[in-house]
Amino acid sequence: MSTTKKIAIGLGVASGALLAAWLLTGDRKNKTKDFIAKKASSLRDSLKDKKESFDENEAHYV
């Protein structure tokens, strides 16, 4: 891996860490937690809907 790629990955990780630290400090902490919980809940519900639509009568070939 070239030095440029390593620097780009390092900057990406560092900026992500700074964004997470900013979002989880002060008044933004509760808003961020509520937002993430809401999105995780909706994602969980959408995944459950997809699992329920599976038809057991379909043949399974090996």
Protein backbone atom coordinates (compact mmCIF):
# COMPACT_ATOMS: atom_id res chain seq x y z
CA MET A 1 0.00 0.00 0.00
CA SER A 2 1.43 3.35 -0.98
CA THR A 3 2.06 6.20 1.43
CA THR A 4 -0.70 8.29 -0.17
CA LYS A 5 -3.28 5.59 0.48
CA LYS A 6 -2.14 5.23 4.09
CA ILE A 7 -2.42 8.98 4.64
CA ALA A 8 -5.89 9.07 3.05
CA ILE A 9 -7.12 6.20 5.24
CA GLY A 10 -5.60 7.82 8.33
CA LEU A 11 -7.29 11.14 7.58
CA GLY A 12 -10.61 9.38 7.03
CA VAL A 13 -10.40 7.54 10.34
CA ALA A 14 -9.28 10.66 12.19
CA SER A 15 -12.09 12.78 10.74
CA GLY A 16 -14.63 10.09 11.64
CA ALA A 17 -13.34 10.03 15.21
CA LEU A 18 -13.52 13.82 15.45
CA LEU A 19 -17.08 13.83 14.11
CA ALA A 20 -18.13 11.15 16.60
CA ALA A 21 -16.51 13.06 19.47
CA TRP A 22 -18.26 16.29 18.42
CA LEU A 23 -21.65 14.56 18.10
CA LEU A 24 -21.35 12.92 21.51
CA THR A 25 -20.50 16.03 23.52
CA GLY A 26 -22.71 18.66 25.08
CA ASP A 27 -26.34 19.09 24.06
CA ARG A 28 -25.84 17.05 20.88
CA LYS A 29 -25.27 13.87 22.89
CA ASN A 30 -28.93 13.17 23.64
CA LYS A 31 -30.05 14.19 20.15
CA THR A 32 -27.46 11.91 18.59
CA LYS A 33 -28.41 8.96 20.81
CA ASP A 34 -32.11 9.42 20.01
CA PHE A 35 -31.40 9.68 16.27
CA ILE A 36 -29.26 6.53 16.24
CA ALA A 37 -31.79 4.58 18.32
CA LYS A 38 -34.62 5.64 16.00
CA LYS A 39 -32.71 4.65 12.86
CA ALA A 40 -31.62 1.31 14.37
CA SER A 41 -35.21 0.56 15.33
CA SER A 42 -36.49 1.29 11.82
CA LEU A 43 -33.70 -0.81 10.31
CA ARG A 44 -34.52 -3.70 12.65
CA ASP A 45 -38.20 -3.47 11.71
CA SER A 46 -37.46 -3.44 7.99
CA LEU A 47 -35.23 -6.52 8.33
CA LYS A 48 -37.97 -8.37 10.21
CA ASP A 49 -40.45 -7.57 7.43
CA LYS A 50 -38.16 -9.10 4.83
CA LYS A 51 -37.71 -12.31 6.85
CA GLU A 52 -41.46 -12.80 7.26
CA SER A 53 -42.04 -12.72 3.50
CA PHE A 54 -40.07 -15.95 2.98
CA ASP A 55 -42.23 -18.77 1.61
CA GLU A 56 -41.46 -22.15 3.17
CA ASN A 57 -43.22 -24.01 0.35
CA GLU A 58 -40.48 -23.21 -2.13
CA ALA A 59 -38.14 -26.06 -2.98
CA HIS A 60 -34.54 -25.91 -1.77
CA TYR A 61 -32.00 -27.38 -4.16
CA VAL A 62 -28.57 -28.45 -3.01
